[in-house]
Amino acid sequence: MKFFVVCFWLVAALLSSEASATEQRVDGPPRPVGAEARVTAERKIDDRMLDLTVRSPAMGMSIPVRVILPKNWRKDSRSTFPVLYMLHGGNDDYTSWTRETDVEALSRNSDVLIVMPDAGKAGYYSDWFASTPRWETFHTAELVRLMERKFHAGRSRAVVGLSMGGFGALNYAAHHQRMFRYVAAMSSYVDLNDPGVRLALALGSQRDGVDIRKVWGDPVADADVWQAHNPAAMPRAFRGTHVHLSSGDSTLGPLDQGRSLDVMMASVLGEAVLPKQNAKFASSLRSAGVAVSMHLYRPGTHSWPYWQNELHHIWPAVLKSLEPSTRADAGSGR
């Protein structure tokens, strides 16, 4: 019995933080009010990768951001570059994508600016109901403008996230029309109305020392706020953006070998509820006229080896989405 209780708490933690009906539409990134975010420190990791310390007025504190520069980036360049934002899962940080995947090598021949901001271990990629933190404002307004000013970021954008980060990517794409051409959510919960997700969020946030009511208010009294952050409740908000959803079938495979039993069980349970939820969401998106792709793979658990494979799977589509086109720029918003 104790083993199953432990596993239940582990899956709750995974869904809310990775051990890895109101439809809000805003044209492009909102303009920051007052002071702009600024870089206060910069550390060069290698020829293409930098770690930035960014002072955020919205957050009232400094936030770390990792950047991978485009192949032909120059400080004095007059060109702008398409941008890929990569969002980490819960209980993790801005270093996770480069720590766990080969994204730097994968992008070596690409003229794409890759931006990996921190989002807190349980920040939920939201402007919290309780005033602060304001993660969404930092990521979609301050950071976007900062990348344009300092790193020649253009207006062609894509966003990829996993677990909690996938949930954040979907919300950012829904809240900011035409800001992103492509959004990919790997192993992400997509429906806050699902009883299992509600329970997992409550238990996981409690484990992380976060009162979930401070994030979106009371689930009953402030139901409109919850629905405004619920991807499944606003399928029409994704029109004009290609949505990619992926998850494993929760069965163990060769990529899971060598890990402890508890970690493997948590990875299995963390993925178990996602295929059905994602398939239902994909269906509602298609009914709303949204371009959707899905990748439900077998075997597959809630773990990095599968996300590394999925990154390679979607990489051509990400690059294609960022190519110049004859249509109006998908990320102009101005």
Protein backbone atom coordinates (compact mmCIF):
# COMPACT_ATOMS: atom_id res chain seq x y z
CA MET A 1 0.00 0.00 0.00
CA LYS A 2 2.81 2.38 0.91
CA PHE A 3 4.39 1.85 -2.52
CA PHE A 4 1.20 2.91 -4.32
CA VAL A 5 0.80 5.98 -2.11
CA VAL A 6 4.37 7.02 -2.93
CA CYS A 7 3.72 6.50 -6.64
CA PHE A 8 0.53 8.55 -6.45
CA TRP A 9 2.39 11.47 -4.91
CA LEU A 10 5.13 11.11 -7.51
CA VAL A 11 2.74 11.29 -10.42
CA ALA A 12 1.06 14.29 -8.84
CA ALA A 13 4.43 15.97 -8.65
CA LEU A 14 5.22 15.06 -12.26
CA LEU A 15 1.99 16.48 -13.61
CA SER A 16 2.33 19.74 -11.74
CA SER A 17 6.12 19.98 -11.82
CA GLU A 18 8.44 17.99 -14.06
CA ALA A 19 11.18 15.96 -12.31
CA SER A 20 11.40 16.77 -14.84
CA ALA A 21 -14.26 29.19 -21.62
CA THR A 22 -13.04 32.68 -21.80
CA GLU A 23 -10.88 32.97 -24.92
CA GLN A 24 -8.31 35.71 -24.47
CA ARG A 25 -6.66 36.89 -27.70
CA VAL A 26 -4.01 39.58 -27.88
CA ASP A 27 -2.23 40.50 -31.12
CA GLY A 28 1.42 39.70 -30.47
CA PRO A 29 3.39 40.44 -27.33
CA PRO A 30 1.96 43.19 -25.14
CA ARG A 31 4.08 46.27 -24.72
CA PRO A 32 5.61 46.58 -21.25
CA VAL A 33 4.37 49.48 -19.21
CA GLY A 34 7.10 51.62 -17.63
CA ALA A 35 10.62 50.27 -17.24
CA GLU A 36 12.01 47.68 -19.66
CA ALA A 37 13.78 44.47 -18.69
CA ARG A 38 17.56 44.74 -18.96
CA VAL A 39 20.58 42.47 -18.89
CA THR A 40 22.64 43.07 -15.76
CA ALA A 41 25.16 40.27 -16.24
CA GLU A 42 26.30 38.07 -19.11
CA ARG A 43 28.41 34.90 -18.99
CA LYS A 44 29.79 33.29 -22.13
CA ILE A 45 29.59 29.50 -21.98
CA ASP A 46 30.98 28.80 -25.46
CA ASP A 47 31.04 30.41 -28.90
CA ARG A 48 27.25 30.31 -29.24
CA MET A 49 25.77 29.94 -25.76
CA LEU A 50 25.33 32.69 -23.18
CA ASP A 51 23.78 32.86 -19.73
CA LEU A 52 22.09 36.16 -19.00
CA THR A 53 20.90 37.70 -15.77
CA VAL A 54 17.82 39.74 -16.64
CA ARG A 55 16.35 42.32 -14.30
CA SER A 56 12.57 42.11 -14.71
CA PRO A 57 10.26 44.94 -13.59
CA ALA A 58 7.28 42.57 -13.87
CA MET A 59 8.90 40.05 -11.54
CA GLY A 60 10.60 42.60 -9.30
CA MET A 61 13.74 40.47 -9.38
CA SER A 62 16.44 39.08 -11.66
CA ILE A 63 15.74 35.98 -13.75
CA PRO A 64 18.34 33.77 -15.49
CA VAL A 65 17.97 33.16 -19.22
CA ARG A 66 20.09 30.91 -21.45
CA VAL A 67 20.54 31.92 -25.11
CA ILE A 68 21.94 30.00 -28.10
CA LEU A 69 22.95 32.40 -30.85
CA PRO A 70 22.16 31.82 -34.56
CA LYS A 71 24.88 30.50 -36.85
CA ASN A 72 25.45 33.88 -38.52
CA TRP A 73 24.71 36.12 -35.54
CA ARG A 74 26.90 39.20 -35.14
CA LYS A 75 26.60 41.92 -32.53
CA ASP A 76 26.62 44.61 -35.23
CA SER A 77 24.32 42.69 -37.57
CA ARG A 78 21.57 44.56 -39.35
CA SER A 79 19.65 41.34 -39.93
CA THR A 80 17.03 39.92 -37.62
CA PHE A 81 16.64 36.25 -36.77
CA PRO A 82 13.66 33.98 -36.10
CA VAL A 83 13.29 32.92 -32.48
CA LEU A 84 12.57 29.61 -30.75
CA TYR A 85 11.51 29.85 -27.11
CA MET A 86 12.05 26.63 -25.14
CA LEU A 87 10.20 26.25 -21.82
CA HIS A 88 11.33 23.88 -19.09
CA GLY A 89 9.20 21.61 -16.92
CA GLY A 90 8.41 22.06 -13.26
CA ASN A 91 10.96 21.36 -10.54
CA ASP A 92 13.64 22.24 -13.10
CA ASP A 93 15.27 25.34 -14.56
CA TYR A 94 16.52 27.20 -17.63
CA THR A 95 19.51 24.87 -18.07
CA SER A 96 17.44 21.73 -18.59
CA TRP A 97 17.18 21.73 -22.39
CA THR A 98 20.95 22.01 -22.88
CA ARG A 99 21.67 19.71 -19.93
CA GLU A 100 19.40 16.89 -21.13
CA THR A 101 19.29 17.25 -24.93
CA ASP A 102 21.62 18.02 -27.82
CA VAL A 103 19.71 21.14 -28.86
CA GLU A 104 22.90 23.18 -29.27
CA ALA A 105 24.40 20.66 -31.70
CA LEU A 106 21.03 20.16 -33.40
CA SER A 107 20.78 23.90 -34.10
CA ARG A 108 24.40 24.35 -35.14
CA ASN A 109 23.59 25.05 -38.79
CA SER A 110 20.42 27.01 -38.12
CA ASP A 111 20.03 30.76 -38.16
CA VAL A 112 17.58 30.63 -35.27
CA LEU A 113 17.93 32.43 -31.95
CA ILE A 114 17.05 29.99 -29.13
CA VAL A 115 15.87 31.50 -25.84
CA MET A 116 15.48 29.38 -22.70
CA PRO A 117 14.15 31.44 -19.77
CA ASP A 118 13.74 30.33 -16.20
CA ALA A 119 10.15 30.00 -15.03
CA GLY A 120 10.43 28.90 -11.41
CA LYS A 121 10.12 25.33 -10.20
CA ALA A 122 6.36 25.73 -9.83
CA GLY A 123 5.57 29.00 -11.59
CA TYR A 124 2.92 27.58 -13.95
CA TYR A 125 3.85 30.13 -16.65
CA SER A 126 1.22 32.52 -15.37
CA ASP A 127 0.72 35.98 -13.96
CA TRP A 128 -0.44 34.84 -10.57
CA PHE A 129 -3.85 35.72 -9.20
CA ALA A 130 -2.12 36.97 -6.06
CA SER A 131 -0.33 39.75 -8.00
CA THR A 132 3.18 38.30 -8.16
CA PRO A 133 5.03 36.56 -9.66
CA ARG A 134 4.16 37.67 -13.22
CA TRP A 135 5.82 35.01 -15.34
CA GLU A 136 3.67 35.50 -18.43
CA THR A 137 4.34 39.24 -18.59
CA PHE A 138 8.07 38.63 -18.19
CA HIS A 139 8.23 35.92 -20.87
CA THR A 140 5.81 37.29 -23.49
CA ALA A 141 6.39 41.03 -23.12
CA GLU A 142 9.63 42.00 -21.39
CA LEU A 143 11.81 39.16 -22.63
CA VAL A 144 10.52 39.35 -26.21
CA ARG A 145 11.30 43.07 -26.39
CA LEU A 146 14.69 42.54 -24.79
CA MET A 147 15.61 39.89 -27.37
CA GLU A 148 14.57 42.29 -30.13
CA ARG A 149 16.63 45.16 -28.72
CA LYS A 150 19.79 43.27 -27.76
CA PHE A 151 19.94 40.10 -29.87
CA HIS A 152 18.34 41.05 -33.21
CA ALA A 153 15.29 38.85 -32.62
CA GLY A 154 12.76 39.03 -35.41
CA ARG A 155 9.01 38.58 -35.32
CA SER A 156 8.91 35.00 -36.54
CA ARG A 157 8.60 32.87 -33.41
CA ALA A 158 7.95 29.31 -32.26
CA VAL A 159 7.62 27.94 -28.74
CA VAL A 160 8.31 24.43 -27.46
CA GLY A 161 7.73 23.18 -23.93
CA LEU A 162 7.53 19.94 -21.97
CA SER A 163 5.27 18.98 -19.07
CA MET A 164 4.56 22.23 -17.18
CA GLY A 165 6.45 24.07 -19.93
CA GLY A 166 4.20 22.56 -22.60
CA PHE A 167 1.19 23.79 -20.66
CA GLY A 168 2.82 27.23 -20.57
CA ALA A 169 3.60 27.16 -24.29
CA LEU A 170 -0.04 26.41 -25.10
CA ASN A 171 -1.30 29.17 -22.85
CA TYR A 172 1.11 31.72 -24.29
CA ALA A 173 0.07 30.82 -27.85
CA ALA A 174 -3.62 31.04 -26.96
CA HIS A 175 -3.33 34.32 -25.08
CA HIS A 176 -1.25 36.11 -27.72
CA GLN A 177 -2.66 35.75 -31.21
CA ARG A 178 -0.09 35.56 -34.02
CA MET A 179 2.80 35.76 -31.58
CA PHE A 180 3.90 32.20 -32.41
CA ARG A 181 3.72 30.37 -35.72
CA TYR A 182 4.26 26.98 -34.11
CA VAL A 183 3.69 25.60 -30.61
CA ALA A 184 4.72 22.14 -29.40
CA ALA A 185 3.67 20.65 -26.07
CA MET A 186 5.46 17.46 -25.04
CA SER A 187 3.91 15.28 -22.33
CA SER A 188 1.77 18.15 -21.11
CA TYR A 189 -1.54 18.28 -19.31
CA VAL A 190 -3.98 20.28 -21.41
CA ASP A 191 -7.26 20.26 -19.49
CA LEU A 192 -7.52 21.87 -16.06
CA ASN A 193 -11.07 20.52 -15.76
CA ASP A 194 -9.85 16.93 -15.70
CA PRO A 195 -10.36 15.64 -12.12
CA GLY A 196 -7.04 13.81 -12.20
CA VAL A 197 -5.21 16.96 -13.23
CA ARG A 198 -6.96 19.00 -10.53
CA LEU A 199 -5.93 16.49 -7.89
CA ALA A 200 -2.38 16.23 -9.20
CA LEU A 201 -1.99 20.01 -9.26
CA ALA A 202 -3.32 20.33 -5.73
CA LEU A 203 -1.03 17.64 -4.33
CA GLY A 204 1.99 18.62 -6.39
CA SER A 205 1.74 22.31 -5.58
CA GLN A 206 1.33 21.45 -1.90
CA ARG A 207 4.52 19.39 -2.11
CA ASP A 208 6.29 22.37 -3.68
CA GLY A 209 5.01 24.74 -0.99
CA VAL A 210 2.70 26.59 -3.41
CA ASP A 211 -0.95 27.36 -2.72
CA ILE A 212 -2.54 26.75 -6.13
CA ARG A 213 -5.22 29.33 -5.26
CA LYS A 214 -2.51 31.99 -5.37
CA VAL A 215 -1.84 31.03 -8.99
CA TRP A 216 -5.37 31.15 -10.48
CA GLY A 217 -7.59 31.87 -7.49
CA ASP A 218 -10.24 29.58 -6.06
CA PRO A 219 -11.28 26.88 -8.56
CA VAL A 220 -14.98 27.61 -7.92
CA ALA A 221 -15.20 31.30 -7.06
CA ASP A 222 -12.61 32.21 -9.71
CA ALA A 223 -13.55 29.63 -12.31
CA ASP A 224 -13.26 32.22 -15.10
CA VAL A 225 -9.57 32.69 -14.27
CA TRP A 226 -8.98 28.94 -14.32
CA GLN A 227 -10.71 28.63 -17.69
CA ALA A 228 -8.67 31.53 -19.09
CA HIS A 229 -5.58 29.38 -18.36
CA ASN A 230 -7.09 26.12 -19.59
CA PRO A 231 -5.96 25.24 -23.14
CA ALA A 232 -8.80 22.75 -23.61
CA ALA A 233 -11.36 25.47 -22.87
CA MET A 234 -10.23 27.78 -25.68
CA PRO A 235 -9.54 25.78 -28.87
CA ARG A 236 -10.47 28.63 -31.23
CA ALA A 237 -7.74 30.79 -29.67
CA PHE A 238 -5.14 28.67 -31.49
CA ARG A 239 -6.30 29.58 -34.99
CA GLY A 240 -3.37 30.76 -37.08
CA THR A 241 -0.84 28.70 -35.09
CA HIS A 242 0.23 25.14 -35.82
CA VAL A 243 -0.20 23.05 -32.64
CA HIS A 244 1.84 19.89 -32.07
CA LEU A 245 0.93 17.54 -29.22
CA SER A 246 2.92 14.50 -28.17
CA SER A 247 3.15 11.96 -25.40
CA GLY A 248 4.14 8.37 -24.76
CA ASP A 249 1.77 5.54 -23.97
CA SER A 250 3.29 5.15 -20.46
CA THR A 251 4.89 1.76 -21.16
CA LEU A 252 8.53 1.14 -20.27
CA GLY A 253 11.10 0.65 -23.00
CA PRO A 254 14.86 0.38 -23.53
CA LEU A 255 15.32 4.10 -22.84
CA ASP A 256 14.09 3.54 -19.27
CA GLN A 257 16.74 1.00 -18.35
CA GLY A 258 19.13 1.79 -15.53
CA ARG A 259 16.78 3.95 -13.49
CA SER A 260 15.44 3.19 -10.02
CA LEU A 261 12.05 1.50 -9.64
CA ASP A 262 10.44 4.53 -8.00
CA VAL A 263 11.64 6.87 -10.77
CA MET A 264 10.43 4.47 -13.45
CA MET A 265 7.03 4.11 -11.81
CA ALA A 266 6.67 7.88 -11.48
CA SER A 267 7.60 8.27 -15.15
CA VAL A 268 5.00 5.67 -16.12
CA LEU A 269 2.22 7.19 -14.04
CA GLY A 270 3.15 10.72 -15.08
CA GLU A 271 2.44 9.85 -18.72
CA ALA A 272 -0.55 7.52 -18.26
CA VAL A 273 -3.35 10.12 -18.36
CA LEU A 274 -1.91 12.18 -21.21
CA PRO A 275 -2.61 10.30 -24.48
CA LYS A 276 -6.39 10.30 -24.09
CA GLN A 277 -6.42 13.92 -22.90
CA ASN A 278 -4.22 15.08 -25.78
CA ALA A 279 -6.23 13.14 -28.38
CA LYS A 280 -9.46 14.77 -27.18
CA PHE A 281 -7.84 18.21 -27.27
CA ALA A 282 -6.50 17.60 -30.78
CA SER A 283 -9.99 16.69 -31.94
CA SER A 284 -11.47 19.89 -30.53
CA LEU A 285 -8.69 21.93 -32.15
CA ARG A 286 -9.37 20.38 -35.55
CA SER A 287 -13.09 21.08 -35.15
CA ALA A 288 -12.17 24.72 -34.49
CA GLY A 289 -10.15 24.91 -37.71
CA VAL A 290 -6.70 24.76 -36.08
CA ALA A 291 -3.77 23.04 -37.81
CA VAL A 292 -2.76 20.15 -35.54
CA SER A 293 -0.20 17.37 -35.56
CA MET A 294 0.06 14.57 -33.01
CA HIS A 295 2.71 12.06 -32.09
CA LEU A 296 1.62 9.36 -29.65
CA TYR A 297 4.55 6.99 -29.37
CA ARG A 298 5.07 3.52 -27.94
CA PRO A 299 6.86 2.84 -25.65
CA GLY A 300 7.21 6.13 -23.83
CA THR A 301 7.33 7.49 -20.30
CA HIS A 302 7.49 10.93 -18.70
CA SER A 303 11.24 11.29 -19.06
CA TRP A 304 14.03 13.04 -20.93
CA PRO A 305 15.20 10.31 -23.32
CA TYR A 306 11.81 10.41 -25.02
CA TRP A 307 11.73 14.22 -25.11
CA GLN A 308 15.18 14.22 -26.70
CA ASN A 309 13.80 11.96 -29.45
CA GLU A 310 10.71 14.13 -29.81
CA LEU A 311 12.84 17.24 -30.22
CA HIS A 312 14.52 15.60 -33.21
CA HIS A 313 11.13 14.49 -34.50
CA ILE A 314 9.71 18.02 -34.58
CA TRP A 315 12.90 19.92 -35.48
CA PRO A 316 12.25 20.07 -39.26
CA ALA A 317 8.71 21.37 -38.64
CA VAL A 318 10.00 24.00 -36.20
CA LEU A 319 12.51 25.30 -38.74
CA LYS A 320 9.96 25.24 -41.55
CA SER A 321 7.49 27.23 -39.46
CA LEU A 322 10.10 29.94 -38.94
CA GLU A 323 11.01 30.34 -42.60
CA PRO A 324 10.19 33.66 -44.31
CA SER A 325 6.90 33.61 -46.13
CA THR A 326 4.89 35.82 -48.43
CA ARG A 327 2.05 36.11 -45.98
CA ALA A 328 1.86 38.74 -43.24
CA ASP A 329 4.41 38.02 -40.56
CA ALA A 330 2.85 35.64 -38.06
CA GLY A 331 4.49 37.39 -35.13
CA SER A 332 4.15 41.06 -35.97
CA GLY A 333 1.44 41.96 -33.50
CA ARG A 334 2.08 45.66 -33.94
